[in-house]
């Protein structure tokens, strides 16, 4: 019984946390040009949470921004 209560507590803590993509911001106005834009990138982590989709803006061989879907629609490459 004690083990079950521990699992329930752990699940409650996990479910109450915001998912990483909920904290993302749209790109700033000065971040409107990237060398490469990756859209519909499926993000899977090892926490057993459901996967989710994001967009990445790559500039100079580095990730310039990570944004929710649709946030990089007006950005140029």
PDB file of N, CA and C in Angstrom:
ATOM      1  N   UNK A   1       0.822  -1.193   0.000  1.00  0.00           N
ATOM      2  CA  UNK A   1       0.000   0.000   0.000  1.00  0.00           C
ATOM      3  C   UNK A   1       0.866   1.257   0.000  1.00  0.00           C
ATOM      4  N   UNK A   2       1.922   1.235   0.782  1.00  0.00           N
ATOM      5  CA  UNK A   2       2.789   2.395   0.869  1.00  0.00           C
ATOM      6  C   UNK A   2       3.450   2.694  -0.478  1.00  0.00           C
ATOM      7  N   UNK A   3       3.829   1.661  -1.165  1.00  0.00           N
ATOM      8  CA  UNK A   3       4.459   1.836  -2.470  1.00  0.00           C
ATOM      9  C   UNK A   3       3.486   2.470  -3.464  1.00  0.00           C
ATOM     10  N   UNK A   4       2.248   2.057  -3.425  1.00  0.00           N
ATOM     11  CA  UNK A   4       1.243   2.613  -4.318  1.00  0.00           C
ATOM     12  C   UNK A   4       1.033   4.102  -4.049  1.00  0.00           C
ATOM     13  N   UNK A   5       1.004   4.478  -2.783  1.00  0.00           N
ATOM     14  CA  UNK A   5       0.830   5.891  -2.437  1.00  0.00           C
ATOM     15  C   UNK A   5       2.015   6.710  -2.936  1.00  0.00           C
ATOM     16  N   UNK A   6       3.201   6.142  -2.867  1.00  0.00           N
ATOM     17  CA  UNK A   6       4.392   6.828  -3.353  1.00  0.00           C
ATOM     18  C   UNK A   6       4.311   7.054  -4.858  1.00  0.00           C
ATOM     19  N   UNK A   7       3.846   6.050  -5.595  1.00  0.00           N
ATOM     20  CA  UNK A   7       3.690   6.190  -7.044  1.00  0.00           C
ATOM     21  C   UNK A   7       2.643   7.240  -7.376  1.00  0.00           C
ATOM     22  N   UNK A   8       1.563   7.272  -6.610  1.00  0.00           N
ATOM     23  CA  UNK A   8       0.516   8.262  -6.857  1.00  0.00           C
ATOM     24  C   UNK A   8       1.040   9.672  -6.609  1.00  0.00           C
ATOM     25  N   UNK A   9       1.823   9.851  -5.576  1.00  0.00           N
ATOM     26  CA  UNK A   9       2.394  11.156  -5.279  1.00  0.00           C
ATOM     27  C   UNK A   9       3.335  11.593  -6.393  1.00  0.00           C
ATOM     28  N   UNK A  10       4.154  10.676  -6.866  1.00  0.00           N
ATOM     29  CA  UNK A  10       5.074  10.981  -7.955  1.00  0.00           C
ATOM     30  C   UNK A  10       4.307  11.359  -9.216  1.00  0.00           C
ATOM     31  N   UNK A  11       3.249  10.630  -9.530  1.00  0.00           N
ATOM     32  CA  UNK A  11       2.434  10.931 -10.705  1.00  0.00           C
ATOM     33  C   UNK A  11       1.764  12.288 -10.560  1.00  0.00           C
ATOM     34  N   UNK A  12       1.284  12.607  -9.379  1.00  0.00           N
ATOM     35  CA  UNK A  12       0.629  13.898  -9.162  1.00  0.00           C
ATOM     36  C   UNK A  12       1.614  15.044  -9.350  1.00  0.00           C
ATOM     37  N   UNK A  13       2.836  14.862  -8.886  1.00  0.00           N
ATOM     38  CA  UNK A  13       3.850  15.907  -9.068  1.00  0.00           C
ATOM     39  C   UNK A  13       4.196  16.084 -10.533  1.00  0.00           C
ATOM     40  N   UNK A  14       4.325  14.979 -11.251  1.00  0.00           N
ATOM     41  CA  UNK A  14       4.673  15.041 -12.662  1.00  0.00           C
ATOM     42  C   UNK A  14       3.559  15.661 -13.481  1.00  0.00           C
ATOM     43  N   UNK A  15       2.325  15.272 -13.233  1.00  0.00           N
ATOM     44  CA  UNK A  15       1.208  15.788 -14.016  1.00  0.00           C
ATOM     45  C   UNK A  15       0.949  17.262 -13.746  1.00  0.00           C
ATOM     46  N   UNK A  16       1.319  17.744 -12.582  1.00  0.00           N
ATOM     47  CA  UNK A  16       1.086  19.138 -12.248  1.00  0.00           C
ATOM     48  C   UNK A  16       2.112  20.098 -12.820  1.00  0.00           C
ATOM     49  N   UNK A  17       3.216  19.581 -13.332  1.00  0.00           N
ATOM     50  CA  UNK A  17       4.269  20.434 -13.875  1.00  0.00           C
ATOM     51  C   UNK A  17       3.917  20.895 -15.280  1.00  0.00           C
ATOM     52  N   UNK A  18       4.306  22.112 -15.625  1.00  0.00           N
ATOM     53  CA  UNK A  18       4.112  22.537 -17.013  1.00  0.00           C
ATOM     54  C   UNK A  18       5.079  21.786 -17.921  1.00  0.00           C
ATOM     55  N   UNK A  19       4.638  21.467 -19.117  1.00  0.00           N
ATOM     56  CA  UNK A  19       5.516  20.808 -20.069  1.00  0.00           C
ATOM     57  C   UNK A  19       6.507  21.836 -20.604  1.00  0.00           C
ATOM     58  N   UNK A  20       7.683  21.398 -21.042  1.00  0.00           N
ATOM     59  CA  UNK A  20       8.711  22.355 -21.472  1.00  0.00           C
ATOM     60  C   UNK A  20       8.242  23.295 -22.567  1.00  0.00           C
ATOM     61  N   UNK A  21       7.453  22.808 -23.519  1.00  0.00           N
ATOM     62  CA  UNK A  21       7.040  23.681 -24.611  1.00  0.00           C
ATOM     63  C   UNK A  21       5.990  24.697 -24.188  1.00  0.00           C
ATOM     64  N   UNK A  22       5.381  24.549 -23.015  1.00  0.00           N
ATOM     65  CA  UNK A  22       4.432  25.545 -22.522  1.00  0.00           C
ATOM     66  C   UNK A  22       5.149  26.825 -22.097  1.00  0.00           C
ATOM     67  N   UNK A  23       6.443  26.753 -21.840  1.00  0.00           N
ATOM     68  CA  UNK A  23       7.203  27.917 -21.383  1.00  0.00           C
ATOM     69  C   UNK A  23       7.928  28.629 -22.516  1.00  0.00           C
ATOM     70  N   UNK A  24       7.776  28.168 -23.741  1.00  0.00           N
ATOM     71  CA  UNK A  24       8.491  28.771 -24.860  1.00  0.00           C
ATOM     72  C   UNK A  24       7.872  30.104 -25.241  1.00  0.00           C
ATOM     73  N   UNK A  25       8.682  30.948 -25.815  1.00  0.00           N
ATOM     74  CA  UNK A  25       8.203  32.247 -26.257  1.00  0.00           C
ATOM     75  C   UNK A  25       8.331  32.339 -27.767  1.00  0.00           C
ATOM     76  N   UNK A  26       7.513  33.155 -28.400  1.00  0.00           N
ATOM     77  CA  UNK A  26       7.701  33.378 -29.833  1.00  0.00           C
ATOM     78  C   UNK A  26       8.997  34.155 -30.070  1.00  0.00           C
ATOM     79  N   UNK A  27       9.552  34.100 -31.273  1.00  0.00           N
ATOM     80  CA  UNK A  27      10.806  34.804 -31.528  1.00  0.00           C
ATOM     81  C   UNK A  27      10.646  36.317 -31.389  1.00  0.00           C
ATOM     82  N   UNK A  28      11.702  36.983 -30.971  1.00  0.00           N
ATOM     83  CA  UNK A  28      11.697  38.446 -30.862  1.00  0.00           C
ATOM     84  C   UNK A  28      11.738  39.054 -32.257  1.00  0.00           C
ATOM     85  N   UNK A  29      11.344  40.315 -32.409  1.00  0.00           N
ATOM     86  CA  UNK A  29      11.368  40.947 -33.734  1.00  0.00           C
ATOM     87  C   UNK A  29      12.749  40.959 -34.381  1.00  0.00           C
ATOM     88  N   UNK A  30      13.821  41.019 -33.596  1.00  0.00           N
ATOM     89  CA  UNK A  30      15.159  41.007 -34.188  1.00  0.00           C
ATOM     90  C   UNK A  30      15.621  39.602 -34.567  1.00  0.00           C
ATOM     91  N   UNK A  31      14.844  38.582 -34.235  1.00  0.00           N
ATOM     92  CA  UNK A  31      15.153  37.191 -34.582  1.00  0.00           C
ATOM     93  C   UNK A  31      14.328  36.750 -35.784  1.00  0.00           C
ATOM     94  N   UNK A  32      14.348  37.500 -36.845  1.00  0.00           N
ATOM     95  CA  UNK A  32      13.492  37.193 -37.988  1.00  0.00           C
ATOM     96  C   UNK A  32      14.224  36.580 -39.173  1.00  0.00           C
ATOM     97  N   UNK A  33      15.499  36.231 -39.015  1.00  0.00           N
ATOM     98  CA  UNK A  33      16.222  35.595 -40.113  1.00  0.00           C
ATOM     99  C   UNK A  33      17.043  34.428 -39.572  1.00  0.00           C
ATOM    100  N   UNK A  34      16.870  33.274 -40.203  1.00  0.00           N
ATOM    101  CA  UNK A  34      17.607  32.064 -39.823  1.00  0.00           C
ATOM    102  C   UNK A  34      18.129  31.387 -41.076  1.00  0.00           C
ATOM    103  N   UNK A  35      19.200  30.625 -40.933  1.00  0.00           N
ATOM    104  CA  UNK A  35      19.747  29.859 -42.049  1.00  0.00           C
ATOM    105  C   UNK A  35      18.866  28.662 -42.378  1.00  0.00           C
ATOM    106  N   UNK A  36      18.264  28.082 -41.361  1.00  0.00           N
ATOM    107  CA  UNK A  36      17.436  26.886 -41.521  1.00  0.00           C
ATOM    108  C   UNK A  36      16.314  26.924 -40.496  1.00  0.00           C
ATOM    109  N   UNK A  37      15.119  26.540 -40.917  1.00  0.00           N
ATOM    110  CA  UNK A  37      13.987  26.433 -39.999  1.00  0.00           C
ATOM    111  C   UNK A  37      13.488  24.995 -40.042  1.00  0.00           C
ATOM    112  N   UNK A  38      13.432  24.364 -38.898  1.00  0.00           N
ATOM    113  CA  UNK A  38      12.918  22.997 -38.781  1.00  0.00           C
ATOM    114  C   UNK A  38      11.537  23.094 -38.156  1.00  0.00           C
ATOM    115  N   UNK A  39      10.531  22.632 -38.880  1.00  0.00           N
ATOM    116  CA  UNK A  39       9.160  22.678 -38.366  1.00  0.00           C
ATOM    117  C   UNK A  39       8.669  21.264 -38.095  1.00  0.00           C
ATOM    118  N   UNK A  40       7.658  21.156 -37.274  1.00  0.00           N
ATOM    119  CA  UNK A  40       7.041  19.870 -36.923  1.00  0.00           C
ATOM    120  C   UNK A  40       8.054  18.875 -36.364  1.00  0.00           C
ATOM    121  N   UNK A  41       8.998  19.358 -35.564  1.00  0.00           N
ATOM    122  CA  UNK A  41       9.975  18.476 -34.927  1.00  0.00           C
ATOM    123  C   UNK A  41       9.311  17.792 -33.737  1.00  0.00           C
ATOM    124  N   UNK A  42       9.279  16.475 -33.762  1.00  0.00           N
ATOM    125  CA  UNK A  42       8.665  15.715 -32.665  1.00  0.00           C
ATOM    126  C   UNK A  42       9.674  15.575 -31.535  1.00  0.00           C
ATOM    127  N   UNK A  43       9.309  16.039 -30.359  1.00  0.00           N
ATOM    128  CA  UNK A  43      10.178  16.004 -29.193  1.00  0.00           C
ATOM    129  C   UNK A  43       9.715  14.876 -28.279  1.00  0.00           C
ATOM    130  N   UNK A  44      10.617  13.939 -28.021  1.00  0.00           N
ATOM    131  CA  UNK A  44      10.329  12.803 -27.149  1.00  0.00           C
ATOM    132  C   UNK A  44      11.378  12.812 -26.045  1.00  0.00           C
ATOM    133  N   UNK A  45      10.932  12.813 -24.805  1.00  0.00           N
ATOM    134  CA  UNK A  45      11.891  12.770 -23.707  1.00  0.00           C
ATOM    135  C   UNK A  45      11.742  11.461 -22.944  1.00  0.00           C
ATOM    136  N   UNK A  46      12.580  11.262 -21.964  1.00  0.00           N
ATOM    137  CA  UNK A  46      12.593   9.989 -21.242  1.00  0.00           C
ATOM    138  C   UNK A  46      11.716  10.000 -19.994  1.00  0.00           C
ATOM    139  N   UNK A  47      10.850  10.991 -19.846  1.00  0.00           N
ATOM    140  CA  UNK A  47      10.010  11.079 -18.650  1.00  0.00           C
ATOM    141  C   UNK A  47       8.662  10.400 -18.827  1.00  0.00           C
ATOM    142  N   UNK A  48       8.462   9.761 -19.964  1.00  0.00           N
ATOM    143  CA  UNK A  48       7.211   9.075 -20.296  1.00  0.00           C
ATOM    144  C   UNK A  48       6.041  10.031 -20.492  1.00  0.00           C
ATOM    145  N   UNK A  49       6.323  11.307 -20.637  1.00  0.00           N
ATOM    146  CA  UNK A  49       5.280  12.255 -21.006  1.00  0.00           C
ATOM    147  C   UNK A  49       4.986  12.082 -22.486  1.00  0.00           C
ATOM    148  N   UNK A  50       3.807  12.475 -22.939  1.00  0.00           N
ATOM    149  CA  UNK A  50       3.525  12.364 -24.368  1.00  0.00           C
ATOM    150  C   UNK A  50       4.454  13.286 -25.170  1.00  0.00           C
ATOM    151  N   UNK A  51       4.743  12.877 -26.395  1.00  0.00           N
ATOM    152  CA  UNK A  51       5.595  13.710 -27.236  1.00  0.00           C
ATOM    153  C   UNK A  51       4.837  14.969 -27.648  1.00  0.00           C
ATOM    154  N   UNK A  52       5.589  15.955 -28.119  1.00  0.00           N
ATOM    155  CA  UNK A  52       5.000  17.207 -28.565  1.00  0.00           C
ATOM    156  C   UNK A  52       5.832  17.741 -29.724  1.00  0.00           C
ATOM    157  N   UNK A  53       5.319  18.729 -30.413  1.00  0.00           N
ATOM    158  CA  UNK A  53       5.960  19.275 -31.600  1.00  0.00           C
ATOM    159  C   UNK A  53       6.438  20.703 -31.357  1.00  0.00           C
ATOM    160  N   UNK A  54       7.598  21.036 -31.931  1.00  0.00           N
ATOM    161  CA  UNK A  54       8.175  22.371 -31.829  1.00  0.00           C
ATOM    162  C   UNK A  54       8.783  22.768 -33.163  1.00  0.00           C
ATOM    163  N   UNK A  55       9.226  24.011 -33.240  1.00  0.00           N
ATOM    164  CA  UNK A  55       9.967  24.519 -34.383  1.00  0.00           C
ATOM    165  C   UNK A  55      11.318  25.029 -33.893  1.00  0.00           C
ATOM    166  N   UNK A  56      12.338  24.878 -34.740  1.00  0.00           N
ATOM    167  CA  UNK A  56      13.684  25.333 -34.412  1.00  0.00           C
ATOM    168  C   UNK A  56      14.159  26.296 -35.485  1.00  0.00           C
ATOM    169  N   UNK A  57      14.785  27.383 -35.090  1.00  0.00           N
ATOM    170  CA  UNK A  57      15.447  28.298 -36.009  1.00  0.00           C
ATOM    171  C   UNK A  57      16.947  28.153 -35.833  1.00  0.00           C
ATOM    172  N   UNK A  58      17.662  27.791 -36.907  1.00  0.00           N
ATOM    173  CA  UNK A  58      19.101  27.559 -36.861  1.00  0.00           C
ATOM    174  C   UNK A  58      19.806  28.738 -37.532  1.00  0.00           C
ATOM    175  N   UNK A  59      20.802  29.296 -36.848  1.00  0.00           N
ATOM    176  CA  UNK A  59      21.580  30.412 -37.394  1.00  0.00           C
ATOM    177  C   UNK A  59      23.046  30.170 -37.074  1.00  0.00           C
ATOM    178  N   UNK A  60      23.894  30.191 -38.096  1.00  0.00           N
ATOM    179  CA  UNK A  60      25.330  30.008 -37.876  1.00  0.00           C
ATOM    180  C   UNK A  60      25.692  28.653 -37.312  1.00  0.00           C
ATOM    181  N   UNK A  61      24.926  27.621 -37.642  1.00  0.00           N
ATOM    182  CA  UNK A  61      25.213  26.281 -37.157  1.00  0.00           C
ATOM    183  C   UNK A  61      24.774  26.026 -35.727  1.00  0.00           C
ATOM    184  N   UNK A  62      24.047  26.960 -35.130  1.00  0.00           N
ATOM    185  CA  UNK A  62      23.560  26.814 -33.751  1.00  0.00           C
ATOM    186  C   UNK A  62      22.065  27.073 -33.698  1.00  0.00           C
ATOM    187  N   UNK A  63      21.441  26.509 -32.686  1.00  0.00           N
ATOM    188  CA  UNK A  63      20.012  26.744 -32.499  1.00  0.00           C
ATOM    189  C   UNK A  63      19.835  28.176 -32.018  1.00  0.00           C
ATOM    190  N   UNK A  64      19.127  28.980 -32.809  1.00  0.00           N
ATOM    191  CA  UNK A  64      18.880  30.368 -32.444  1.00  0.00           C
ATOM    192  C   UNK A  64      17.631  30.534 -31.610  1.00  0.00           C
ATOM    193  N   UNK A  65      16.625  29.707 -31.888  1.00  0.00           N
ATOM    194  CA  UNK A  65      15.389  29.771 -31.116  1.00  0.00           C
ATOM    195  C   UNK A  65      14.665  28.441 -31.176  1.00  0.00           C
ATOM    196  N   UNK A  66      13.900  28.180 -30.150  1.00  0.00           N
ATOM    197  CA  UNK A  66      12.991  27.042 -30.089  1.00  0.00           C
ATOM    198  C   UNK A  66      11.630  27.639 -29.808  1.00  0.00           C
ATOM    199  N   UNK A  67      10.655  27.332 -30.653  1.00  0.00           N
ATOM    200  CA  UNK A  67       9.358  27.995 -30.545  1.00  0.00           C
ATOM    201  C   UNK A  67       8.222  27.000 -30.729  1.00  0.00           C
ATOM    202  N   UNK A  68       7.030  27.350 -30.250  1.00  0.00           N
ATOM    203  CA  UNK A  68       5.865  26.501 -30.495  1.00  0.00           C
ATOM    204  C   UNK A  68       5.504  26.505 -31.978  1.00  0.00           C
ATOM    205  N   UNK A  69       4.730  25.523 -32.403  1.00  0.00           N
ATOM    206  CA  UNK A  69       4.330  25.428 -33.806  1.00  0.00           C
ATOM    207  C   UNK A  69       3.652  26.706 -34.267  1.00  0.00           C
ATOM    208  N   UNK A  70       4.008  27.150 -35.463  1.00  0.00           N
ATOM    209  CA  UNK A  70       3.405  28.332 -36.056  1.00  0.00           C
ATOM    210  C   UNK A  70       4.094  29.632 -35.706  1.00  0.00           C
ATOM    211  N   UNK A  71       4.959  29.636 -34.712  1.00  0.00           N
ATOM    212  CA  UNK A  71       5.606  30.876 -34.286  1.00  0.00           C
ATOM    213  C   UNK A  71       6.653  31.362 -35.286  1.00  0.00           C
ATOM    214  N   UNK A  72       7.199  30.473 -36.089  1.00  0.00           N
ATOM    215  CA  UNK A  72       8.221  30.862 -37.063  1.00  0.00           C
ATOM    216  C   UNK A  72       7.665  30.950 -38.478  1.00  0.00           C
ATOM    217  N   UNK A  73       6.359  31.084 -38.613  1.00  0.00           N
ATOM    218  CA  UNK A  73       5.725  31.099 -39.932  1.00  0.00           C
ATOM    219  C   UNK A  73       6.147  32.305 -40.765  1.00  0.00           C
ATOM    220  N   UNK A  74       6.386  33.443 -40.148  1.00  0.00           N
ATOM    221  CA  UNK A  74       6.720  34.659 -40.887  1.00  0.00           C
ATOM    222  C   UNK A  74       8.216  34.953 -40.915  1.00  0.00           C
ATOM    223  N   UNK A  75       9.019  34.032 -40.447  1.00  0.00           N
ATOM    224  CA  UNK A  75      10.466  34.218 -40.401  1.00  0.00           C
ATOM    225  C   UNK A  75      11.059  33.869 -41.756  1.00  0.00           C
ATOM    226  N   UNK A  76      12.108  34.595 -42.165  1.00  0.00           N
ATOM    227  CA  UNK A  76      12.746  34.327 -43.452  1.00  0.00           C
ATOM    228  C   UNK A  76      14.001  33.485 -43.267  1.00  0.00           C
ATOM    229  N   UNK A  77      14.376  32.801 -44.350  1.00  0.00           N
ATOM    230  CA  UNK A  77      15.606  32.001 -44.339  1.00  0.00           C
ATOM    231  C   UNK A  77      16.586  32.552 -45.341  1.00  0.00           C
TER     232      UNK A  77
END
